[in-house]
Amino acid sequence: MFNRAIKTVLILVLAAPHSLCSTLAEDNGVQFRAVVSQYDAGNYDRAKHLAESLIAGHPRNLTAHYLLGNICVKLNQIAQAEAAYKDCLRGAKNSPEAIYARKALQQISNQRRMRAVQSPALAAAPAFPMAGMNHSADEKIQEETARLLQESKDRIAIKKRSFDDHVAQIKQDQSQAMYNAPRGRRGAFYRQDYQNQVKTDAQGRIDKLTKEFEREKSDITQACQKRIDELTEYEHNIESRGMRR
């Protein structure tokens, strides 16, 4: 279900590496859960108020904007929903929130096109579900997307821990080498030259590790997005064939 996708995004953010959550206050998890709890209970007005309060305190929090978009869809406040989803796109383009938001905006756009070609009598009832509405194919896509995103984020987190460990070891080796530099009045020039070389070598190793980590992270993200796109296309093709029958 779509609300399960909301919970998954919440879990992804709360379980993300510290660097991803460094700007969030310690009590944000409680605030997120309060929004989701009200959403699950169908108290959309209350959920919207809580989401807006969360955004007021943390305007760059993409998850809060995404949740607000879903809530506004439930309230049939489509213009506000679009604005909230678009706010998600101002962050990292491959973040879970941005990926979900793009799909939600596409659904809204598709819905508009469908209603434009229908008669006024039919236009009152959506032909396809928009973001936040129940639909088996859409639910399947959302749930599998959430799983793929979690898998991708877990793999990146493992790579990040390994990267951090290697960088820490390099810095430790650098500190030890700096400490072991020659001392004494005669060795002052050589000591400085030695320390500069130690710093240069250490930074070169860190730069190489950073480049390798960024490449691996990009490969994981792109592979995940490719699988999501293939899944979405597959499900939509099945849905289209079913409708033609």
Protein backbone atom coordinates (compact mmCIF):
# COMPACT_ATOMS: atom_id res chain seq x y z
CA MET A 1 0.00 0.00 0.00
CA PHE A 2 1.08 3.58 -0.59
CA ASN A 3 1.20 4.36 3.12
CA ARG A 4 3.70 1.50 3.44
CA ALA A 5 5.85 3.41 0.96
CA ILE A 6 5.62 6.42 3.26
CA LYS A 7 6.76 4.30 6.20
CA THR A 8 9.60 2.92 4.13
CA VAL A 9 10.86 6.40 3.30
CA LEU A 10 10.63 7.22 7.01
CA ILE A 11 12.62 4.10 7.90
CA LEU A 12 15.20 4.86 5.22
CA VAL A 13 15.82 8.34 6.60
CA LEU A 14 15.89 7.31 10.25
CA ALA A 15 18.26 4.42 9.49
CA ALA A 16 20.46 6.38 7.10
CA PRO A 17 24.12 7.16 7.83
CA HIS A 18 24.70 10.05 10.24
CA SER A 19 25.88 12.32 7.42
CA LEU A 20 22.43 12.13 5.82
CA CYS A 21 20.67 13.14 9.02
CA SER A 22 23.21 15.57 10.45
CA THR A 23 20.93 18.59 10.04
CA LEU A 24 17.96 17.00 11.78
CA ALA A 25 17.10 17.51 15.43
CA GLU A 26 17.18 14.55 17.81
CA ASP A 27 13.38 14.52 18.21
CA ASN A 28 12.61 14.43 14.48
CA GLY A 29 11.89 10.70 14.59
CA VAL A 30 9.03 11.38 16.99
CA GLN A 31 7.70 14.14 14.74
CA PHE A 32 7.85 11.90 11.67
CA ARG A 33 6.03 9.11 13.44
CA ALA A 34 3.35 11.53 14.60
CA VAL A 35 2.70 12.59 10.99
CA VAL A 36 2.58 9.00 9.73
CA SER A 37 0.36 7.96 12.64
CA GLN A 38 -2.20 10.65 11.80
CA TYR A 39 -1.97 9.76 8.10
CA ASP A 40 -2.63 6.08 8.82
CA ALA A 41 -5.58 7.01 11.01
CA GLY A 42 -7.11 9.07 8.19
CA ASN A 43 -6.71 12.33 10.12
CA TYR A 44 -5.32 14.14 7.11
CA ASP A 45 -5.97 17.69 8.32
CA ARG A 46 -4.08 16.96 11.52
CA ALA A 47 -1.32 15.16 9.61
CA LYS A 48 -0.99 18.17 7.31
CA HIS A 49 -0.68 20.54 10.26
CA LEU A 50 2.06 18.37 11.82
CA ALA A 51 3.92 18.06 8.51
CA GLU A 52 3.83 21.82 7.98
CA SER A 53 5.14 22.36 11.52
CA LEU A 54 7.97 19.93 10.81
CA ILE A 55 8.82 21.75 7.57
CA ALA A 56 8.75 25.12 9.34
CA GLY A 57 11.48 23.87 11.66
CA HIS A 58 13.41 22.00 8.97
CA PRO A 59 12.61 23.53 5.54
CA ARG A 60 15.23 21.40 3.75
CA ASN A 61 13.87 18.11 5.05
CA LEU A 62 12.83 16.27 1.87
CA THR A 63 10.92 13.55 3.68
CA ALA A 64 8.65 16.09 5.35
CA HIS A 65 7.88 17.70 1.98
CA TYR A 66 7.15 14.28 0.47
CA LEU A 67 4.79 13.36 3.30
CA LEU A 68 3.03 16.71 2.93
CA GLY A 69 2.53 16.02 -0.78
CA ASN A 70 0.85 12.67 -0.07
CA ILE A 71 -1.36 14.21 2.59
CA CYS A 72 -2.46 17.01 0.25
CA VAL A 73 -3.40 14.41 -2.37
CA LYS A 74 -5.61 12.70 0.20
CA LEU A 75 -7.23 16.08 0.88
CA ASN A 76 -7.62 16.63 -2.89
CA GLN A 77 -5.40 19.71 -2.65
CA ILE A 78 -3.52 18.85 -5.82
CA ALA A 79 -1.81 22.21 -6.37
CA GLN A 80 -0.33 22.09 -2.86
CA ALA A 81 0.66 18.46 -3.39
CA GLU A 82 2.53 19.36 -6.58
CA ALA A 83 4.34 22.19 -4.79
CA ALA A 84 5.40 19.82 -1.99
CA TYR A 85 6.60 17.16 -4.44
CA LYS A 86 8.56 19.76 -6.41
CA ASP A 87 10.28 20.82 -3.19
CA CYS A 88 11.61 17.25 -2.98
CA LEU A 89 13.30 17.67 -6.36
CA ARG A 90 15.41 20.54 -5.06
CA GLY A 91 17.46 18.08 -3.00
CA ALA A 92 19.53 15.09 -4.08
CA LYS A 93 18.07 13.91 -7.38
CA ASN A 94 18.53 10.22 -6.55
CA SER A 95 17.20 10.40 -3.01
CA PRO A 96 14.21 8.14 -2.19
CA GLU A 97 12.04 11.23 -1.72
CA ALA A 98 13.00 12.68 -5.11
CA ILE A 99 12.37 9.38 -6.88
CA TYR A 100 8.94 8.97 -5.28
CA ALA A 101 8.10 12.64 -5.89
CA ARG A 102 8.93 12.40 -9.60
CA LYS A 103 6.66 9.39 -9.96
CA ALA A 104 3.88 11.15 -8.04
CA LEU A 105 4.15 14.24 -10.25
CA GLN A 106 4.08 12.03 -13.33
CA GLN A 107 0.92 10.33 -12.08
CA ILE A 108 -0.73 13.70 -11.51
CA SER A 109 0.33 14.85 -14.98
CA ASN A 110 -0.99 11.65 -16.57
CA GLN A 111 -4.25 12.06 -14.71
CA ARG A 112 -4.67 15.58 -16.08
CA ARG A 113 -4.09 14.38 -19.62
CA MET A 114 -6.59 11.57 -19.22
CA ARG A 115 -9.25 13.87 -17.83
CA ALA A 116 -8.65 16.36 -20.62
CA VAL A 117 -9.68 13.84 -23.28
CA GLN A 118 -12.66 12.44 -21.37
CA SER A 119 -16.20 13.75 -21.43
CA PRO A 120 -17.16 16.05 -18.52
CA ALA A 121 -19.28 13.29 -17.00
CA LEU A 122 -16.36 10.87 -16.88
CA ALA A 123 -13.81 13.48 -15.89
CA ALA A 124 -15.26 13.69 -12.40
CA ALA A 125 -13.99 10.19 -11.61
CA PRO A 126 -10.22 9.56 -12.00
CA ALA A 127 -9.47 6.91 -14.62
CA PHE A 128 -6.19 6.04 -12.95
CA PRO A 129 -5.05 6.35 -9.35
CA MET A 130 -3.01 9.38 -8.44
CA ALA A 131 -0.28 9.43 -5.79
CA GLY A 132 -1.72 8.39 -2.47
CA MET A 133 -4.60 6.32 -3.91
CA ASN A 134 -4.84 2.54 -3.68
CA HIS A 135 -4.15 0.44 -6.73
CA SER A 136 -2.61 -3.01 -6.89
CA ALA A 137 -0.07 -2.31 -9.66
CA ASP A 138 0.89 1.01 -8.15
CA GLU A 139 1.25 -0.56 -4.69
CA LYS A 140 3.43 -3.31 -6.12
CA ILE A 141 5.70 -0.76 -7.76
CA GLN A 142 5.92 1.35 -4.62
CA GLU A 143 6.73 -1.60 -2.36
CA GLU A 144 9.34 -3.08 -4.68
CA THR A 145 10.83 0.38 -5.22
CA ALA A 146 11.12 0.83 -1.47
CA ARG A 147 12.86 -2.55 -1.18
CA LEU A 148 15.31 -1.72 -3.95
CA LEU A 149 16.05 1.68 -2.44
CA GLN A 150 16.67 0.14 0.97
CA GLU A 151 18.97 -2.47 -0.56
CA SER A 152 20.85 0.26 -2.42
CA LYS A 153 21.15 2.43 0.68
CA ASP A 154 22.41 -0.52 2.74
CA ARG A 155 25.10 -1.29 0.17
CA ILE A 156 26.20 2.35 0.07
CA ALA A 157 26.29 2.49 3.88
CA ILE A 158 28.61 -0.54 3.93
CA LYS A 159 30.88 1.09 1.35
CA LYS A 160 30.84 4.32 3.38
CA ARG A 161 31.88 2.55 6.58
CA SER A 162 34.75 0.87 4.75
CA PHE A 163 35.76 4.21 3.22
CA ASP A 164 35.69 5.95 6.62
CA ASP A 165 37.77 3.17 8.18
CA HIS A 166 40.42 3.44 5.46
CA VAL A 167 40.56 7.24 5.73
CA ALA A 168 40.90 7.01 9.51
CA GLN A 169 43.79 4.55 9.11
CA ILE A 170 45.52 6.84 6.61
CA LYS A 171 45.20 9.79 8.98
CA GLN A 172 46.52 7.71 11.86
CA ASP A 173 49.51 6.64 9.76
CA GLN A 174 50.05 10.27 8.78
CA SER A 175 50.04 11.42 12.41
CA GLN A 176 52.54 8.73 13.36
CA ALA A 177 54.80 9.60 10.43
CA MET A 178 54.65 13.30 11.32
CA TYR A 179 55.59 12.48 14.90
CA ASN A 180 58.55 10.41 13.70
CA ALA A 181 59.91 13.27 11.58
CA PRO A 182 63.59 14.16 12.25
CA ARG A 183 64.19 16.66 15.03
CA GLY A 184 67.01 19.02 15.87
CA ARG A 185 68.35 22.31 14.56
CA ARG A 186 70.22 20.74 11.65
CA GLY A 187 67.21 18.73 10.53
CA ALA A 188 64.69 21.61 10.60
CA PHE A 189 64.55 22.02 6.82
CA TYR A 190 64.52 18.29 6.21
CA ARG A 191 61.81 17.86 8.87
CA GLN A 192 59.54 20.39 7.17
CA ASP A 193 60.15 18.87 3.75
CA TYR A 194 59.48 15.39 5.16
CA GLN A 195 56.22 16.49 6.80
CA ASN A 196 55.02 18.16 3.61
CA GLN A 197 55.69 14.96 1.69
CA VAL A 198 53.80 12.91 4.30
CA LYS A 199 50.79 15.23 3.98
CA THR A 200 50.88 15.09 0.18
CA ASP A 201 51.09 11.30 0.13
CA ALA A 202 48.26 10.93 2.64
CA GLN A 203 46.01 13.35 0.77
CA GLY A 204 46.73 11.55 -2.49
CA ARG A 205 45.63 8.24 -0.96
CA ILE A 206 42.48 9.84 0.47
CA ASP A 207 41.64 11.47 -2.87
CA LYS A 208 42.03 8.11 -4.61
CA LEU A 209 39.77 6.41 -2.06
CA THR A 210 37.20 9.21 -2.35
CA LYS A 211 37.08 8.93 -6.12
CA GLU A 212 36.68 5.15 -5.89
CA PHE A 213 33.92 5.46 -3.26
CA GLU A 214 32.00 8.03 -5.34
CA ARG A 215 32.27 5.78 -8.40
CA GLU A 216 30.97 2.76 -6.48
CA LYS A 217 28.15 4.82 -4.96
CA SER A 218 27.17 6.11 -8.40
CA ASP A 219 27.22 2.57 -9.85
CA ILE A 220 24.97 1.28 -7.05
CA THR A 221 22.54 4.19 -7.43
CA GLN A 222 22.35 3.88 -11.21
CA ALA A 223 21.83 0.11 -11.03
CA CYS A 224 19.03 0.62 -8.51
CA GLN A 225 17.36 3.28 -10.65
CA LYS A 226 17.62 1.06 -13.73
CA ARG A 227 15.86 -1.79 -11.91
CA ILE A 228 13.15 0.59 -10.67
CA ASP A 229 12.59 1.93 -14.20
CA GLU A 230 12.42 -1.60 -15.62
CA LEU A 231 9.94 -2.61 -12.92
CA THR A 232 7.75 0.43 -13.53
CA GLU A 233 7.75 -0.13 -17.29
CA TYR A 234 6.96 -3.83 -16.85
CA GLU A 235 4.02 -3.21 -14.49
CA HIS A 236 2.61 -0.45 -16.68
CA ASN A 237 2.86 -2.65 -19.78
CA ILE A 238 0.93 -5.40 -17.98
CA GLU A 239 -1.65 -2.86 -16.86
CA SER A 240 -2.00 -1.48 -20.40
CA ARG A 241 -2.50 -4.95 -21.87
CA GLY A 242 -5.15 -5.66 -19.25
CA MET A 243 -7.02 -2.46 -20.11
CA ARG A 244 -6.94 -3.19 -23.85
CA ARG A 245 -8.64 -6.52 -23.19
